[in-house]
Amino acid sequence: MDARTRLGWVQLYEQVGNAGVVCRRCGSSRPTLRKWWRRYRENSPAGPEGRSRRPKIPLIMSHNY
């Protein structure tokens, strides 16, 4: 799913004001839609773009078996 699609869903949510209706129509969950909406409000219009899931702190692997 691309950022343009997510942006459309966020804009639809702002127009309708009902997350349940938008989620049923678009096939996403309410927490996901609200996450995108929150990001849109904070970083408009780049908010709904995907973010890296990479950890911010590197994992130190130990080889102590």
C-alpha atoms as a PDB file:
ATOM      1  CA  MET A   1       0.000   0.000   0.000  1.00  0.00           C
ATOM      2  CA  ASP A   2       1.435   3.335  -0.984  1.00  0.00           C
ATOM      3  CA  ALA A   3       1.385   6.701   0.772  1.00  0.00           C
ATOM      4  CA  ARG A   4      -1.138   8.136  -1.695  1.00  0.00           C
ATOM      5  CA  THR A   5      -3.677   5.463  -0.758  1.00  0.00           C
ATOM      6  CA  ARG A   6      -3.150   6.052   2.968  1.00  0.00           C
ATOM      7  CA  LEU A   7      -3.470   9.799   2.445  1.00  0.00           C
ATOM      8  CA  GLY A   8      -6.799   9.253   0.691  1.00  0.00           C
ATOM      9  CA  TRP A   9      -8.067   7.203   3.629  1.00  0.00           C
ATOM     10  CA  VAL A  10      -6.940   9.873   6.095  1.00  0.00           C
ATOM     11  CA  GLN A  11      -8.695  12.576   4.092  1.00  0.00           C
ATOM     12  CA  LEU A  12     -11.833  10.449   3.915  1.00  0.00           C
ATOM     13  CA  TYR A  13     -11.667  10.015   7.701  1.00  0.00           C
ATOM     14  CA  GLU A  14     -11.436  13.798   8.135  1.00  0.00           C
ATOM     15  CA  GLN A  15     -14.500  14.281   5.917  1.00  0.00           C
ATOM     16  CA  VAL A  16     -16.628  11.504   7.417  1.00  0.00           C
ATOM     17  CA  GLY A  17     -15.380  11.701  11.002  1.00  0.00           C
ATOM     18  CA  ASN A  18     -16.192   8.041  11.635  1.00  0.00           C
ATOM     19  CA  ALA A  19     -13.230   5.655  11.747  1.00  0.00           C
ATOM     20  CA  GLY A  20     -15.457   2.575  11.653  1.00  0.00           C
ATOM     21  CA  VAL A  21     -17.082   3.561   8.360  1.00  0.00           C
ATOM     22  CA  VAL A  22     -13.744   4.397   6.726  1.00  0.00           C
ATOM     23  CA  CYS A  23     -12.094   1.196   7.957  1.00  0.00           C
ATOM     24  CA  ARG A  24     -14.913  -1.002   6.669  1.00  0.00           C
ATOM     25  CA  ARG A  25     -14.762   0.714   3.310  1.00  0.00           C
ATOM     26  CA  CYS A  26     -10.973   0.618   3.026  1.00  0.00           C
ATOM     27  CA  GLY A  27     -10.272  -2.679   4.761  1.00  0.00           C
ATOM     28  CA  SER A  28      -7.965  -1.438   7.497  1.00  0.00           C
ATOM     29  CA  SER A  29      -8.199  -1.476  11.273  1.00  0.00           C
ATOM     30  CA  ARG A  30      -9.159   1.505  13.424  1.00  0.00           C
ATOM     31  CA  PRO A  31      -5.824   1.637  15.277  1.00  0.00           C
ATOM     32  CA  THR A  32      -3.985   1.675  11.935  1.00  0.00           C
ATOM     33  CA  LEU A  33      -6.183   4.448  10.541  1.00  0.00           C
ATOM     34  CA  ARG A  34      -5.782   6.526  13.686  1.00  0.00           C
ATOM     35  CA  LYS A  35      -1.991   6.001  13.573  1.00  0.00           C
ATOM     36  CA  TRP A  36      -1.903   7.328  10.001  1.00  0.00           C
ATOM     37  CA  TRP A  37      -4.219  10.202  10.922  1.00  0.00           C
ATOM     38  CA  ARG A  38      -2.021  11.151  13.887  1.00  0.00           C
ATOM     39  CA  ARG A  39       1.082  11.076  11.676  1.00  0.00           C
ATOM     40  CA  TYR A  40      -0.724  13.188   9.068  1.00  0.00           C
ATOM     41  CA  ARG A  41      -1.597  15.811  11.674  1.00  0.00           C
ATOM     42  CA  GLU A  42       1.990  15.873  12.960  1.00  0.00           C
ATOM     43  CA  ASN A  43       3.796  15.779   9.593  1.00  0.00           C
ATOM     44  CA  SER A  44       1.220  16.834   7.001  1.00  0.00           C
ATOM     45  CA  PRO A  45       1.313  15.894   4.118  1.00  0.00           C
ATOM     46  CA  ALA A  46       4.157  13.364   4.545  1.00  0.00           C
ATOM     47  CA  GLY A  47       2.492  11.795   7.585  1.00  0.00           C
ATOM     48  CA  PRO A  48       0.948   8.653   6.086  1.00  0.00           C
ATOM     49  CA  GLU A  49       4.204   7.559   4.471  1.00  0.00           C
ATOM     50  CA  GLY A  50       5.690   4.350   5.764  1.00  0.00           C
ATOM     51  CA  ARG A  51       8.297   4.454   8.464  1.00  0.00           C
ATOM     52  CA  SER A  52      11.214   2.154   8.949  1.00  0.00           C
ATOM     53  CA  ARG A  53      10.666  -0.651  11.421  1.00  0.00           C
ATOM     54  CA  ARG A  54      14.383  -0.923  11.964  1.00  0.00           C
ATOM     55  CA  PRO A  55      15.374  -0.621  15.632  1.00  0.00           C
ATOM     56  CA  LYS A  56      16.809   2.748  16.586  1.00  0.00           C
ATOM     57  CA  ILE A  57      19.320   1.132  18.922  1.00  0.00           C
ATOM     58  CA  PRO A  58      21.590  -1.499  17.365  1.00  0.00           C
ATOM     59  CA  LEU A  59      21.321  -4.944  18.808  1.00  0.00           C
ATOM     60  CA  ILE A  60      24.611  -6.228  20.183  1.00  0.00           C
ATOM     61  CA  MET A  61      24.917  -9.916  19.505  1.00  0.00           C
ATOM     62  CA  SER A  62      26.916 -11.900  22.014  1.00  0.00           C
ATOM     63  CA  HIS A  63      28.498 -15.187  21.108  1.00  0.00           C
ATOM     64  CA  ASN A  64      28.619 -16.563  24.622  1.00  0.00           C
ATOM     65  CA  TYR A  65      27.179 -19.994  24.137  1.00  0.00           C
END
